[in-house]
Amino acid sequence: MLLAHKIRLAPNNVQATYFAKAAGTARFAYNWALARWQELYQASLADPARPKPNEAALRRELN
């Protein structure tokens, strides 16, 4: 049973630069969302009247 294909990329300099930028952007977005989630969660623990964090709100805030 074949479950996956491994494909080796041989990007040129322009493509390699684009891949590095895309990975950096994804890493930034993940780290920002994680930090914001933890911040909002701690705030909701301190004050139960505050809403708990949710994915949709974080996406709206990031965009």
N, C-alpha and C. Protein backbone atom coordinates (compact mmCIF):
# COMPACT_ATOMS: atom_id res chain seq x y z
N MET A 1 0.84 -1.17 0.00
CA MET A 1 0.00 0.00 0.00
C MET A 1 0.89 1.24 0.00
N LEU A 2 0.65 2.12 -0.94
CA LEU A 2 1.41 3.36 -1.06
C LEU A 2 0.70 4.45 -0.26
N LEU A 3 1.39 5.01 0.72
CA LEU A 3 0.77 6.02 1.57
C LEU A 3 1.20 7.43 1.24
N ALA A 4 2.42 7.60 0.70
CA ALA A 4 2.90 8.95 0.44
C ALA A 4 3.97 8.91 -0.63
N HIS A 5 4.20 10.06 -1.23
CA HIS A 5 5.28 10.24 -2.19
C HIS A 5 6.28 11.21 -1.60
N LYS A 6 7.55 10.90 -1.72
CA LYS A 6 8.58 11.85 -1.35
C LYS A 6 9.07 12.50 -2.63
N ILE A 7 9.07 13.80 -2.64
CA ILE A 7 9.49 14.54 -3.82
C ILE A 7 10.62 15.47 -3.42
N ARG A 8 11.71 15.38 -4.12
CA ARG A 8 12.85 16.25 -3.84
C ARG A 8 12.73 17.49 -4.72
N LEU A 9 12.82 18.64 -4.09
CA LEU A 9 12.78 19.89 -4.83
C LEU A 9 14.20 20.37 -5.10
N ALA A 10 14.38 20.97 -6.23
CA ALA A 10 15.66 21.59 -6.57
C ALA A 10 15.37 23.04 -6.97
N PRO A 11 15.07 23.89 -5.97
CA PRO A 11 14.68 25.26 -6.31
C PRO A 11 15.86 26.11 -6.74
N ASN A 12 15.57 27.06 -7.62
CA ASN A 12 16.60 28.03 -7.97
C ASN A 12 16.66 29.08 -6.86
N ASN A 13 17.50 30.08 -7.00
CA ASN A 13 17.69 31.06 -5.93
C ASN A 13 16.42 31.85 -5.62
N VAL A 14 15.68 32.20 -6.64
CA VAL A 14 14.44 32.96 -6.43
C VAL A 14 13.43 32.11 -5.67
N GLN A 15 13.28 30.86 -6.07
CA GLN A 15 12.34 29.97 -5.39
C GLN A 15 12.78 29.68 -3.96
N ALA A 16 14.06 29.47 -3.74
CA ALA A 16 14.57 29.20 -2.39
C ALA A 16 14.32 30.39 -1.47
N THR A 17 14.50 31.59 -2.01
CA THR A 17 14.22 32.80 -1.22
C THR A 17 12.74 32.88 -0.88
N TYR A 18 11.88 32.58 -1.84
CA TYR A 18 10.44 32.60 -1.59
C TYR A 18 10.06 31.57 -0.53
N PHE A 19 10.60 30.36 -0.62
CA PHE A 19 10.30 29.31 0.36
C PHE A 19 10.73 29.75 1.76
N ALA A 20 11.89 30.37 1.87
CA ALA A 20 12.38 30.83 3.17
C ALA A 20 11.47 31.92 3.74
N LYS A 21 11.03 32.85 2.88
CA LYS A 21 10.13 33.91 3.34
C LYS A 21 8.78 33.33 3.78
N ALA A 22 8.27 32.37 3.01
CA ALA A 22 6.98 31.76 3.35
C ALA A 22 7.07 31.01 4.68
N ALA A 23 8.17 30.30 4.90
CA ALA A 23 8.35 29.59 6.16
C ALA A 23 8.49 30.57 7.32
N GLY A 24 9.18 31.67 7.10
CA GLY A 24 9.32 32.69 8.14
C GLY A 24 7.99 33.33 8.49
N THR A 25 7.17 33.58 7.49
CA THR A 25 5.85 34.16 7.73
C THR A 25 4.97 33.20 8.51
N ALA A 26 5.00 31.93 8.13
CA ALA A 26 4.21 30.93 8.85
C ALA A 26 4.68 30.79 10.29
N ARG A 27 5.98 30.81 10.49
CA ARG A 27 6.54 30.70 11.85
C ARG A 27 6.12 31.92 12.69
N PHE A 28 6.18 33.11 12.09
CA PHE A 28 5.76 34.32 12.80
C PHE A 28 4.29 34.22 13.20
N ALA A 29 3.43 33.82 12.26
CA ALA A 29 2.00 33.75 12.55
C ALA A 29 1.71 32.73 13.65
N TYR A 30 2.37 31.58 13.61
CA TYR A 30 2.16 30.56 14.64
C TYR A 30 2.61 31.07 16.01
N ASN A 31 3.80 31.64 16.07
CA ASN A 31 4.33 32.12 17.35
C ASN A 31 3.49 33.27 17.90
N TRP A 32 3.05 34.17 17.03
CA TRP A 32 2.20 35.27 17.47
C TRP A 32 0.89 34.74 18.03
N ALA A 33 0.26 33.82 17.31
CA ALA A 33 -1.03 33.28 17.75
C ALA A 33 -0.89 32.52 19.06
N LEU A 34 0.18 31.76 19.21
CA LEU A 34 0.39 31.02 20.45
C LEU A 34 0.57 31.97 21.63
N ALA A 35 1.37 33.00 21.46
CA ALA A 35 1.59 33.97 22.54
C ALA A 35 0.29 34.71 22.87
N ARG A 36 -0.45 35.09 21.85
CA ARG A 36 -1.72 35.81 22.08
C ARG A 36 -2.74 34.91 22.76
N TRP A 37 -2.79 33.63 22.33
CA TRP A 37 -3.71 32.67 22.94
C TRP A 37 -3.41 32.52 24.43
N GLN A 38 -2.13 32.37 24.77
CA GLN A 38 -1.74 32.21 26.17
C GLN A 38 -2.07 33.46 26.97
N GLU A 39 -1.84 34.62 26.36
CA GLU A 39 -2.15 35.89 27.03
C GLU A 39 -3.65 36.00 27.32
N LEU A 40 -4.47 35.70 26.32
CA LEU A 40 -5.92 35.79 26.51
C LEU A 40 -6.43 34.74 27.49
N TYR A 41 -5.84 33.56 27.46
CA TYR A 41 -6.26 32.49 28.37
C TYR A 41 -5.95 32.86 29.81
N GLN A 42 -4.75 33.40 30.05
CA GLN A 42 -4.39 33.81 31.41
C GLN A 42 -5.30 34.94 31.89
N ALA A 43 -5.65 35.85 30.99
CA ALA A 43 -6.56 36.94 31.35
C ALA A 43 -7.94 36.39 31.69
N SER A 44 -8.39 35.36 30.97
CA SER A 44 -9.71 34.79 31.25
C SER A 44 -9.70 34.02 32.57
N LEU A 45 -8.56 33.47 32.95
CA LEU A 45 -8.48 32.80 34.25
C LEU A 45 -8.53 33.81 35.39
N ALA A 46 -7.87 34.94 35.20
CA ALA A 46 -7.84 35.98 36.23
C ALA A 46 -9.20 36.65 36.39
N ASP A 47 -9.90 36.84 35.27
CA ASP A 47 -11.22 37.48 35.30
C ASP A 47 -12.19 36.62 34.50
N PRO A 48 -13.00 35.80 35.17
CA PRO A 48 -13.91 34.88 34.46
C PRO A 48 -14.92 35.57 33.56
N ALA A 49 -15.13 36.87 33.73
CA ALA A 49 -16.07 37.59 32.86
C ALA A 49 -15.51 37.77 31.45
N ARG A 50 -14.19 37.71 31.33
CA ARG A 50 -13.57 37.87 30.00
C ARG A 50 -13.76 36.58 29.21
N PRO A 51 -13.97 36.69 27.90
CA PRO A 51 -14.16 35.48 27.10
C PRO A 51 -12.86 34.70 26.93
N LYS A 52 -13.01 33.39 26.77
CA LYS A 52 -11.84 32.56 26.49
C LYS A 52 -11.43 32.77 25.04
N PRO A 53 -10.17 32.54 24.73
CA PRO A 53 -9.72 32.74 23.34
C PRO A 53 -10.35 31.71 22.41
N ASN A 54 -10.52 32.11 21.14
CA ASN A 54 -10.98 31.17 20.13
C ASN A 54 -10.27 31.46 18.81
N GLU A 55 -10.25 30.46 17.97
CA GLU A 55 -9.48 30.54 16.72
C GLU A 55 -9.99 31.65 15.81
N ALA A 56 -11.30 31.77 15.69
CA ALA A 56 -11.86 32.77 14.77
C ALA A 56 -11.45 34.19 15.17
N ALA A 57 -11.48 34.47 16.46
CA ALA A 57 -11.10 35.81 16.92
C ALA A 57 -9.63 36.08 16.64
N LEU A 58 -8.78 35.07 16.84
CA LEU A 58 -7.36 35.25 16.56
C LEU A 58 -7.11 35.47 15.07
N ARG A 59 -7.83 34.74 14.23
CA ARG A 59 -7.66 34.93 12.78
C ARG A 59 -8.09 36.33 12.36
N ARG A 60 -9.20 36.81 12.92
CA ARG A 60 -9.64 38.17 12.59
C ARG A 60 -8.62 39.20 13.05
N GLU A 61 -8.05 38.99 14.22
CA GLU A 61 -7.07 39.94 14.76
C GLU A 61 -5.79 39.94 13.93
N LEU A 62 -5.37 38.79 13.47
CA LEU A 62 -4.14 38.69 12.68
C LEU A 62 -4.34 39.29 11.29
N ASN A 63 -5.50 39.06 10.71
CA ASN A 63 -5.75 39.58 9.37
C ASN A 63 -6.15 41.02 9.48
